[in-house]
Amino acid sequence: MVRVTQTQSSETSRSPEFRLVQVALGGLRQELFHDAFAYRPLKRMDTESGPTRFLPARIRVYAGLLPHAVVALMAMIVFFIGLERFHGGIGPIGLVATLTPTAIVLLTLVRPVLSFWASLGTTPFIGAVAGFGTGWPWAANSFAAHLVVLGVVAARTRPRTAVWMWIGTAGYALFAEVFLGRGGGTDAVPMLFVAALVLLSVTVFQVRRQADREVTAQQTVTAQEISKRTVLEERTTIARELHDVVAHHMSVVAIQAEAAPYRVENPPPELEQAFLTIRENAVAALTELRRILGVVRAEDYEAPDAPQPTLGDLDALIRNVAEAGLDVEKTVTGAVRELPQGVELSAYRIVQEALSNVLRHAPGAAAKVEVSYVLGGLGLRIANGPARGLAKPSPGAGHGITGMRERVTMLGGEMTAEATDDGGYEVTAFVPVSREEAPQ
């Protein structure tokens, strides 16, 4: 005989309805009871966005206090509503009944949740002092004060808090009607209706504002990811292009190291071993270079058959863009000399990308290309005027400037790219070249 004993914990034995009520009460406790007395001063409004960013700097400093001013104005209106009730004369109790809702509205600036409970808790006292004829359970000034408190607290907390405040207000209205009623009319229904409108409006605005913040944050993250991906893609492209340059030099070193001993009659063994070591190191470096390049090379990438371009090919490039409708003026200053192939290739690509940007973003504009051979390196300047003609600029992805900057940074140079005063654009770059790097 087998006995099966089934045990249930207190959690599993509870019904779904009980757990739902438990979750609901937990939400109420979290929103309206947890840290109800917490000091939470209202922050200044952000004046760097929205219409306030167009204000002068001196006025913008005070514009950040606009929410505080609005709450103070609402408190003043509540005060005058209460004062109107005692226009024939006001005693100490009446003065307290007038000032209390005003103080509760101001309390929302520092302790928002506490102001809600204070508004509910003082309502019977103010209603009794104001008299039954002014409404029950809310007098005129406490009616206005409670609506202001609901709106301000809802704006300063989460949307779920607005729901719990309306439920709390409805519960208090029911309690006052059943246990504190005086047998006459009540203003509970108008209060709940207007409160629902106020809370709904504030909640919709708050949800939309939060959605805008999330979209802005997501766009910022996306832009950063795109920028990082663009940099990686440009570096990969540069690595592919420079592979042929570096591989050529390493191959020359290996071949010369292998042939050098045969150019000397009866070379000493030490010299043969030195050239052998040089050749082995060159071959090993070339093998590693090809292996590493295979990691960054795309599957569909094909190495170019033609040699990589140099500054000597700029004339052909300029003729090519001239056929596309771009008027280019080329100027070369300094003593023209052969530069390292990596510098020549990068300089050519920078000029090529800059002229492509002119074709896309400034159709019909004239461009100038200046190549300066100076003692310490190579200077480049590509400038264009404003767009002319009927053709519209073509928007780009913004990767061109990033690629140019990566090339210059890789060579230890400096680059600037900025708009000119006449509405054009200018790209300047300087690539240092030491005497040791220059080809002999």
Protein backbone atom coordinates (compact mmCIF):
# COMPACT_ATOMS: atom_id res chain seq x y z
CA MET A 1 0.00 0.00 0.00
CA VAL A 2 1.43 3.31 -1.05
CA ARG A 3 0.48 6.46 0.71
CA VAL A 4 0.74 9.73 -1.13
CA THR A 5 1.00 12.78 1.02
CA GLN A 6 0.27 16.10 -0.68
CA THR A 7 1.55 19.18 1.02
CA GLN A 8 0.78 22.72 0.06
CA SER A 9 2.61 25.79 1.17
CA SER A 10 0.83 28.93 2.21
CA GLU A 11 1.75 30.49 -1.13
CA THR A 12 0.41 27.68 -3.34
CA SER A 13 -2.78 27.19 -1.30
CA ARG A 14 -3.91 30.78 -1.78
CA SER A 15 -6.42 31.46 -4.50
CA PRO A 16 -5.61 33.65 -7.51
CA GLU A 17 -8.07 36.25 -6.23
CA PHE A 18 -6.23 36.45 -2.93
CA ARG A 19 -2.87 36.89 -4.69
CA LEU A 20 -4.39 39.60 -6.90
CA VAL A 21 -5.61 41.49 -3.86
CA GLN A 22 -2.23 41.03 -2.21
CA VAL A 23 -0.44 42.48 -5.22
CA ALA A 24 -2.88 45.39 -5.36
CA LEU A 25 -2.44 46.22 -1.69
CA GLY A 26 1.31 45.91 -2.14
CA GLY A 27 1.15 48.49 -4.92
CA LEU A 28 -0.91 50.81 -2.73
CA ARG A 29 1.57 50.46 0.12
CA GLN A 30 4.49 51.14 -2.21
CA GLU A 31 2.95 54.23 -3.82
CA LEU A 32 1.17 56.01 -0.97
CA PHE A 33 2.54 54.61 2.31
CA HIS A 34 6.20 53.89 1.67
CA ASP A 35 8.24 57.00 2.49
CA ALA A 36 5.10 59.11 2.66
CA PHE A 37 6.97 61.66 4.79
CA ALA A 38 10.02 61.67 2.52
CA TYR A 39 11.53 65.04 1.69
CA ARG A 40 11.38 65.40 -2.10
CA PRO A 41 11.87 69.02 -3.15
CA LEU A 42 10.58 69.93 -6.59
CA LYS A 43 13.47 70.23 -9.04
CA ARG A 44 14.02 73.16 -11.32
CA MET A 45 12.65 72.85 -14.82
CA ASP A 46 15.09 72.00 -17.60
CA THR A 47 15.57 75.23 -19.57
CA GLU A 48 18.03 73.82 -22.11
CA SER A 49 15.27 72.17 -24.14
CA GLY A 50 11.86 73.23 -25.31
CA PRO A 51 10.72 76.81 -25.87
CA THR A 52 12.67 78.10 -22.85
CA ARG A 53 16.00 77.51 -24.61
CA PHE A 54 15.29 80.56 -26.79
CA LEU A 55 15.09 82.89 -23.78
CA PRO A 56 18.03 85.14 -22.86
CA ALA A 57 20.47 83.61 -20.38
CA ARG A 58 19.51 85.97 -17.55
CA ILE A 59 15.82 85.16 -17.90
CA ARG A 60 16.46 81.44 -18.45
CA VAL A 61 17.95 81.20 -14.96
CA TYR A 62 14.62 82.20 -13.42
CA ALA A 63 12.54 80.27 -15.95
CA GLY A 64 13.61 77.08 -14.19
CA LEU A 65 11.42 78.12 -11.26
CA LEU A 66 8.27 78.21 -13.39
CA PRO A 67 6.76 75.03 -11.82
CA HIS A 68 7.28 76.51 -8.37
CA ALA A 69 5.59 79.73 -9.46
CA VAL A 70 2.60 77.82 -10.85
CA VAL A 71 2.13 75.95 -7.57
CA ALA A 72 2.42 79.20 -5.63
CA LEU A 73 -0.21 80.78 -7.89
CA MET A 74 -2.56 77.84 -7.31
CA ALA A 75 -2.03 78.21 -3.55
CA MET A 76 -2.93 81.89 -3.77
CA ILE A 77 -6.13 81.08 -5.67
CA VAL A 78 -7.08 78.51 -3.04
CA PHE A 79 -6.45 81.11 -0.33
CA PHE A 80 -8.75 83.68 -1.95
CA ILE A 81 -11.46 81.02 -2.47
CA GLY A 82 -11.36 80.27 1.26
CA LEU A 83 -11.25 83.96 2.16
CA GLU A 84 -14.38 84.59 0.11
CA ARG A 85 -16.31 82.23 2.38
CA PHE A 86 -15.61 84.48 5.39
CA HIS A 87 -15.99 87.84 3.70
CA GLY A 88 -18.26 89.06 6.48
CA GLY A 89 -15.60 88.49 9.12
CA ILE A 90 -13.10 85.77 9.90
CA GLY A 91 -12.19 84.38 13.30
CA PRO A 92 -9.22 82.26 14.39
CA ILE A 93 -10.88 79.01 13.37
CA GLY A 94 -11.93 80.44 10.05
CA LEU A 95 -8.41 81.71 9.46
CA VAL A 96 -7.04 78.23 10.09
CA ALA A 97 -9.64 76.75 7.73
CA THR A 98 -8.53 79.26 5.08
CA LEU A 99 -4.79 78.83 5.49
CA THR A 100 -4.72 75.04 5.86
CA PRO A 101 -5.61 74.14 2.22
CA THR A 102 -3.20 76.85 1.06
CA ALA A 103 -0.37 75.34 3.12
CA ILE A 104 -1.24 71.86 1.85
CA VAL A 105 -0.89 73.04 -1.76
CA LEU A 106 2.53 74.51 -0.95
CA LEU A 107 3.46 71.26 0.78
CA THR A 108 3.43 69.51 -2.61
CA LEU A 109 6.71 71.32 -3.38
CA VAL A 110 8.62 69.33 -0.75
CA ARG A 111 6.55 66.35 0.46
CA PRO A 112 4.10 65.40 -2.31
CA VAL A 113 2.67 62.15 -0.90
CA LEU A 114 2.19 63.65 2.55
CA SER A 115 0.25 66.56 1.01
CA PHE A 116 -2.26 64.08 -0.44
CA TRP A 117 -2.96 62.50 2.95
CA ALA A 118 -3.04 65.92 4.59
CA SER A 119 -5.63 67.08 2.04
CA LEU A 120 -7.87 64.11 2.77
CA GLY A 121 -7.36 64.27 6.51
CA THR A 122 -8.25 67.95 6.89
CA THR A 123 -11.30 67.86 4.61
CA PRO A 124 -13.90 67.02 7.35
CA PHE A 125 -12.60 69.77 9.63
CA ILE A 126 -12.65 72.43 6.90
CA GLY A 127 -16.09 71.27 5.70
CA ALA A 128 -17.48 71.51 9.24
CA VAL A 129 -16.06 75.00 9.76
CA ALA A 130 -17.24 76.24 6.36
CA GLY A 131 -20.77 74.98 6.97
CA PHE A 132 -22.98 72.39 5.37
CA GLY A 133 -24.35 74.77 2.77
CA THR A 134 -20.98 75.10 1.04
CA GLY A 135 -20.74 71.44 0.09
CA TRP A 136 -19.94 68.17 1.82
CA PRO A 137 -17.49 66.64 2.45
CA TRP A 138 -15.40 69.21 0.51
CA ALA A 139 -15.71 72.92 1.10
CA ALA A 140 -14.99 75.20 -1.83
CA ASN A 141 -11.36 75.91 -0.93
CA SER A 142 -10.57 72.31 0.06
CA PHE A 143 -12.27 71.14 -3.16
CA ALA A 144 -9.92 73.30 -5.25
CA ALA A 145 -6.92 72.44 -3.06
CA HIS A 146 -7.45 68.71 -3.42
CA LEU A 147 -7.65 68.95 -7.21
CA VAL A 148 -4.40 70.91 -7.28
CA VAL A 149 -2.76 68.38 -4.96
CA LEU A 150 -3.87 65.48 -7.15
CA GLY A 151 -2.48 67.13 -10.27
CA VAL A 152 0.86 68.12 -8.75
CA VAL A 153 1.45 64.79 -7.00
CA ALA A 154 0.52 62.86 -10.14
CA ALA A 155 2.98 64.96 -12.15
CA ARG A 156 5.75 64.30 -9.62
CA THR A 157 5.20 60.55 -9.23
CA ARG A 158 4.48 57.53 -11.40
CA PRO A 159 1.22 57.04 -13.33
CA ARG A 160 0.23 54.19 -11.02
CA THR A 161 0.16 56.64 -8.11
CA ALA A 162 -2.56 58.66 -9.86
CA VAL A 163 -4.80 55.58 -9.92
CA TRP A 164 -4.31 54.91 -6.23
CA MET A 165 -4.96 58.56 -5.34
CA TRP A 166 -8.26 58.51 -7.21
CA ILE A 167 -9.24 55.24 -5.51
CA GLY A 168 -8.29 56.75 -2.14
CA THR A 169 -10.35 59.83 -2.87
CA ALA A 170 -13.31 57.68 -3.91
CA GLY A 171 -12.99 55.59 -0.75
CA TYR A 172 -12.93 58.70 1.42
CA ALA A 173 -15.97 60.13 -0.41
CA LEU A 174 -17.88 56.89 0.24
CA PHE A 175 -16.85 56.89 3.90
CA ALA A 176 -17.90 60.52 4.34
CA GLU A 177 -21.21 59.89 2.61
CA VAL A 178 -22.08 56.81 4.68
CA PHE A 179 -20.66 57.64 8.11
CA LEU A 180 -20.24 61.42 8.13
CA GLY A 181 -23.21 62.45 5.97
CA ARG A 182 -25.58 65.11 7.21
CA GLY A 183 -28.60 63.97 5.26
CA GLY A 184 -28.14 66.54 2.49
CA GLY A 185 -26.45 66.71 -0.87
CA THR A 186 -22.84 65.82 -1.49
CA ASP A 187 -20.13 67.04 -3.85
CA ALA A 188 -18.42 63.64 -4.00
CA VAL A 189 -19.58 62.89 -7.55
CA PRO A 190 -18.34 66.22 -8.99
CA MET A 191 -15.05 65.74 -7.14
CA LEU A 192 -14.49 62.24 -8.50
CA PHE A 193 -15.43 63.30 -12.04
CA VAL A 194 -13.19 66.37 -12.13
CA ALA A 195 -10.40 64.48 -10.32
CA ALA A 196 -10.55 61.75 -12.97
CA LEU A 197 -10.19 64.36 -15.72
CA VAL A 198 -7.26 66.05 -13.97
CA LEU A 199 -5.44 62.80 -13.23
CA LEU A 200 -6.06 61.44 -16.73
CA SER A 201 -4.70 64.61 -18.35
CA VAL A 202 -1.60 64.68 -16.15
CA THR A 203 -0.99 60.95 -16.61
CA VAL A 204 -1.26 61.15 -20.40
CA PHE A 205 1.16 64.07 -20.44
CA GLN A 206 3.53 62.25 -18.10
CA VAL A 207 3.45 59.02 -20.11
CA ARG A 208 4.12 60.93 -23.30
CA ARG A 209 7.00 62.80 -21.74
CA GLN A 210 8.49 59.56 -20.44
CA ALA A 211 8.10 57.99 -23.89
CA ASP A 212 9.90 60.96 -25.45
CA ARG A 213 12.73 60.55 -22.97
CA GLU A 214 13.03 56.85 -23.72
CA VAL A 215 12.99 57.50 -27.47
CA THR A 216 15.66 60.18 -27.08
CA ALA A 217 17.79 57.88 -24.96
CA GLN A 218 17.35 55.05 -27.45
CA GLN A 219 18.26 57.34 -30.33
CA THR A 220 21.37 58.45 -28.46
CA VAL A 221 22.40 54.84 -27.82
CA THR A 222 21.67 53.95 -31.45
CA ALA A 223 23.73 56.89 -32.69
CA GLN A 224 26.62 55.84 -30.48
CA GLU A 225 26.41 52.25 -31.71
CA ILE A 226 26.29 53.41 -35.33
CA SER A 227 29.30 55.64 -34.70
CA LYS A 228 31.25 52.76 -33.17
CA ARG A 229 30.30 50.43 -36.01
CA THR A 230 31.29 53.06 -38.55
CA VAL A 231 34.70 53.46 -36.94
CA LEU A 232 35.24 49.69 -36.97
CA GLU A 233 34.18 49.44 -40.59
CA GLU A 234 36.49 52.27 -41.59
CA ARG A 235 39.42 50.73 -39.71
CA THR A 236 38.74 47.42 -41.40
CA THR A 237 38.72 49.11 -44.80
CA ILE A 238 41.98 50.88 -44.02
CA ALA A 239 43.55 47.59 -42.89
CA ARG A 240 42.52 45.91 -46.13
CA GLU A 241 43.90 48.72 -48.27
CA LEU A 242 47.20 48.91 -46.41
CA HIS A 243 47.68 45.15 -46.56
CA ASP A 244 49.08 45.27 -50.09
CA VAL A 245 51.44 48.10 -49.15
CA VAL A 246 52.85 46.32 -46.10
CA ALA A 247 52.90 42.93 -47.80
CA HIS A 248 54.89 44.38 -50.69
CA HIS A 249 57.57 45.78 -48.38
CA MET A 250 57.82 42.56 -46.39
CA SER A 251 58.11 40.53 -49.58
CA VAL A 252 60.91 42.77 -50.84
CA VAL A 253 62.75 42.37 -47.52
CA ALA A 254 62.45 38.57 -47.71
CA ILE A 255 63.63 38.42 -51.33
CA GLN A 256 66.59 40.74 -50.77
CA ALA A 257 67.61 38.89 -47.62
CA GLU A 258 67.60 35.62 -49.55
CA ALA A 259 69.56 37.04 -52.51
CA ALA A 260 72.08 39.11 -50.55
CA PRO A 261 74.53 36.27 -49.68
CA TYR A 262 74.90 35.41 -53.37
CA ARG A 263 76.08 38.91 -54.20
CA VAL A 264 79.12 38.56 -51.99
CA GLU A 265 81.94 36.15 -52.87
CA ASN A 266 82.64 33.71 -50.06
CA PRO A 267 80.46 35.43 -47.43
CA PRO A 268 81.27 34.57 -43.81
CA PRO A 269 78.91 32.14 -42.08
CA GLU A 270 77.84 34.85 -39.63
CA LEU A 271 76.62 37.03 -42.51
CA GLU A 272 74.74 34.15 -44.13
CA GLN A 273 73.07 33.33 -40.81
CA ALA A 274 72.09 37.00 -40.30
CA PHE A 275 70.44 37.21 -43.73
CA LEU A 276 68.75 33.88 -43.13
CA THR A 277 67.31 35.19 -39.85
CA ILE A 278 66.11 38.35 -41.58
CA ARG A 279 64.37 36.33 -44.27
CA GLU A 280 62.72 33.98 -41.77
CA ASN A 281 61.43 36.91 -39.70
CA ALA A 282 60.10 38.67 -42.80
CA VAL A 283 58.29 35.53 -43.98
CA ALA A 284 56.86 34.95 -40.48
CA ALA A 285 55.66 38.55 -40.29
CA LEU A 286 54.07 38.30 -43.72
CA THR A 287 52.30 35.08 -42.73
CA GLU A 288 50.95 36.67 -39.54
CA LEU A 289 49.83 39.73 -41.48
CA ARG A 290 47.82 37.62 -43.89
CA ARG A 291 46.34 35.55 -41.06
CA ILE A 292 45.21 38.62 -39.10
CA LEU A 293 43.79 40.25 -42.21
CA GLY A 294 41.69 37.13 -42.79
CA VAL A 295 39.90 37.83 -39.51
CA VAL A 296 38.71 41.31 -40.55
CA ARG A 297 38.13 40.54 -44.22
CA ALA A 298 34.55 40.01 -45.26
CA GLU A 299 33.60 36.82 -47.06
CA ASP A 300 32.75 38.70 -50.24
CA TYR A 301 35.88 40.86 -50.16
CA GLU A 302 38.19 40.58 -53.14
CA ALA A 303 41.64 42.06 -53.14
CA PRO A 304 42.13 44.69 -55.86
CA ASP A 305 44.06 43.62 -58.92
CA ALA A 306 45.48 47.07 -59.65
CA PRO A 307 48.08 48.77 -57.42
CA GLN A 308 46.78 51.02 -54.67
CA PRO A 309 46.41 54.68 -55.77
CA THR A 310 48.86 57.42 -54.76
CA LEU A 311 49.03 61.20 -54.97
CA GLY A 312 50.28 60.82 -58.51
CA ASP A 313 46.79 59.62 -59.46
CA LEU A 314 45.05 62.79 -58.26
CA ASP A 315 44.89 64.24 -61.78
CA ALA A 316 42.92 61.22 -62.97
CA LEU A 317 40.63 61.54 -59.96
CA ILE A 318 40.01 65.23 -60.64
CA ARG A 319 39.24 64.53 -64.29
CA ASN A 320 36.78 61.87 -63.18
CA VAL A 321 34.86 64.18 -60.83
CA ALA A 322 34.98 66.95 -63.43
CA GLU A 323 33.03 64.70 -65.77
CA ALA A 324 30.42 64.43 -63.01
CA GLY A 325 30.02 68.23 -63.04
CA LEU A 326 32.42 69.31 -60.28
CA ASP A 327 34.81 72.17 -61.07
CA VAL A 328 38.06 71.43 -59.19
CA GLU A 329 41.19 73.54 -58.98
CA LYS A 330 44.35 71.72 -57.90
CA THR A 331 47.37 73.45 -56.35
CA VAL A 332 50.65 71.81 -55.35
CA THR A 333 53.18 73.67 -53.23
CA GLY A 334 56.59 72.66 -51.97
CA ALA A 335 59.11 70.21 -53.36
CA VAL A 336 57.22 67.21 -54.69
CA ARG A 337 58.81 64.02 -53.39
CA GLU A 338 57.94 60.40 -52.93
CA LEU A 339 56.27 59.64 -49.59
CA PRO A 340 55.65 56.33 -47.82
CA GLN A 341 53.00 54.32 -49.64
CA GLY A 342 50.70 54.33 -46.61
CA VAL A 343 50.76 58.13 -46.53
CA GLU A 344 50.25 58.36 -50.30
CA LEU A 345 47.27 55.99 -50.16
CA SER A 346 45.63 57.70 -47.19
CA ALA A 347 46.14 61.16 -48.71
CA TYR A 348 44.55 60.02 -51.96
CA ARG A 349 41.57 58.51 -50.11
CA ILE A 350 41.06 61.70 -48.08
CA VAL A 351 40.93 63.84 -51.22
CA GLN A 352 38.67 61.30 -52.92
CA GLU A 353 36.20 61.22 -50.02
CA ALA A 354 36.21 65.01 -49.63
CA LEU A 355 35.41 65.54 -53.32
CA SER A 356 32.68 62.89 -53.11
CA ASN A 357 31.15 64.83 -50.22
CA VAL A 358 31.17 67.98 -52.34
CA LEU A 359 29.30 66.16 -55.11
CA ARG A 360 26.69 64.86 -52.64
CA HIS A 361 26.20 67.80 -50.30
CA ALA A 362 27.09 70.84 -52.42
CA PRO A 363 26.10 70.16 -56.03
CA GLY A 364 27.25 72.85 -58.43
CA ALA A 365 29.87 74.25 -56.04
CA ALA A 366 33.50 74.84 -57.03
CA ALA A 367 36.20 73.02 -55.09
CA LYS A 368 39.88 73.58 -54.41
CA VAL A 369 42.45 70.90 -53.65
CA GLU A 370 45.75 72.03 -52.15
CA VAL A 371 48.63 69.59 -51.59
CA SER A 372 51.54 71.01 -49.62
CA TYR A 373 54.86 69.20 -49.34
CA VAL A 374 56.50 70.66 -46.26
CA LEU A 375 59.62 69.72 -44.36
CA GLY A 376 57.86 67.74 -41.65
CA GLY A 377 55.19 65.99 -43.67
CA LEU A 378 52.24 66.51 -46.01
CA GLY A 379 49.44 69.05 -45.79
CA LEU A 380 46.03 68.73 -47.46
CA ARG A 381 43.22 71.24 -47.87
CA ILE A 382 39.98 70.55 -49.71
CA ALA A 383 37.51 73.45 -49.71
CA ASN A 384 34.29 74.15 -51.56
CA GLY A 385 31.80 76.98 -51.79
CA PRO A 386 28.03 76.86 -51.25
CA ALA A 387 25.78 74.72 -53.39
CA ARG A 388 24.53 76.26 -56.63
CA GLY A 389 22.02 75.33 -59.27
CA LEU A 390 18.76 73.42 -59.11
CA ALA A 391 20.17 70.10 -57.91
CA LYS A 392 19.32 69.25 -54.33
CA PRO A 393 21.96 68.00 -51.88
CA SER A 394 21.92 64.27 -51.31
CA PRO A 395 21.88 63.25 -47.63
CA GLY A 396 24.65 60.90 -46.57
CA ALA A 397 25.27 58.57 -43.67
CA GLY A 398 28.02 60.79 -42.25
CA HIS A 399 30.71 58.10 -42.52
CA GLY A 400 33.02 60.07 -44.83
CA ILE A 401 34.39 62.44 -42.21
CA THR A 402 34.81 59.55 -39.78
CA GLY A 403 36.84 57.58 -42.33
CA MET A 404 39.08 60.54 -43.13
CA ARG A 405 39.67 61.23 -39.46
CA GLU A 406 40.56 57.59 -38.82
CA ARG A 407 43.15 57.63 -41.60
CA VAL A 408 44.77 60.81 -40.32
CA THR A 409 44.74 59.58 -36.71
CA MET A 410 46.31 56.27 -37.76
CA LEU A 411 49.25 58.19 -39.26
CA GLY A 412 49.64 60.41 -36.19
CA GLY A 413 48.32 63.52 -37.93
CA GLU A 414 45.67 66.15 -37.27
CA MET A 415 42.51 67.02 -39.14
CA THR A 416 39.73 69.61 -39.04
CA ALA A 417 36.42 69.61 -40.89
CA GLU A 418 34.11 72.58 -40.52
CA ALA A 419 31.80 74.91 -42.37
CA THR A 420 33.19 78.17 -43.77
CA ASP A 421 31.78 81.67 -43.43
CA ASP A 422 30.57 81.75 -47.05
CA GLY A 423 28.37 78.67 -46.59
CA GLY A 424 30.88 76.16 -47.91
CA TYR A 425 32.94 73.47 -46.23
CA GLU A 426 36.64 72.92 -45.63
CA VAL A 427 38.70 69.86 -44.73
CA THR A 428 42.32 70.32 -43.68
CA ALA A 429 44.76 67.60 -42.66
CA PHE A 430 48.42 67.32 -41.84
CA VAL A 431 50.27 64.02 -41.87
CA PRO A 432 53.77 64.01 -40.35
CA VAL A 433 56.51 62.20 -42.28
CA SER A 434 59.95 61.84 -40.77
CA ARG A 435 63.14 61.46 -42.77
CA GLU A 436 63.46 57.86 -41.68
CA GLU A 437 60.03 57.03 -43.10
CA ALA A 438 60.60 58.70 -46.48
CA PRO A 439 61.66 56.33 -49.28
CA GLN A 440 65.29 56.60 -50.25
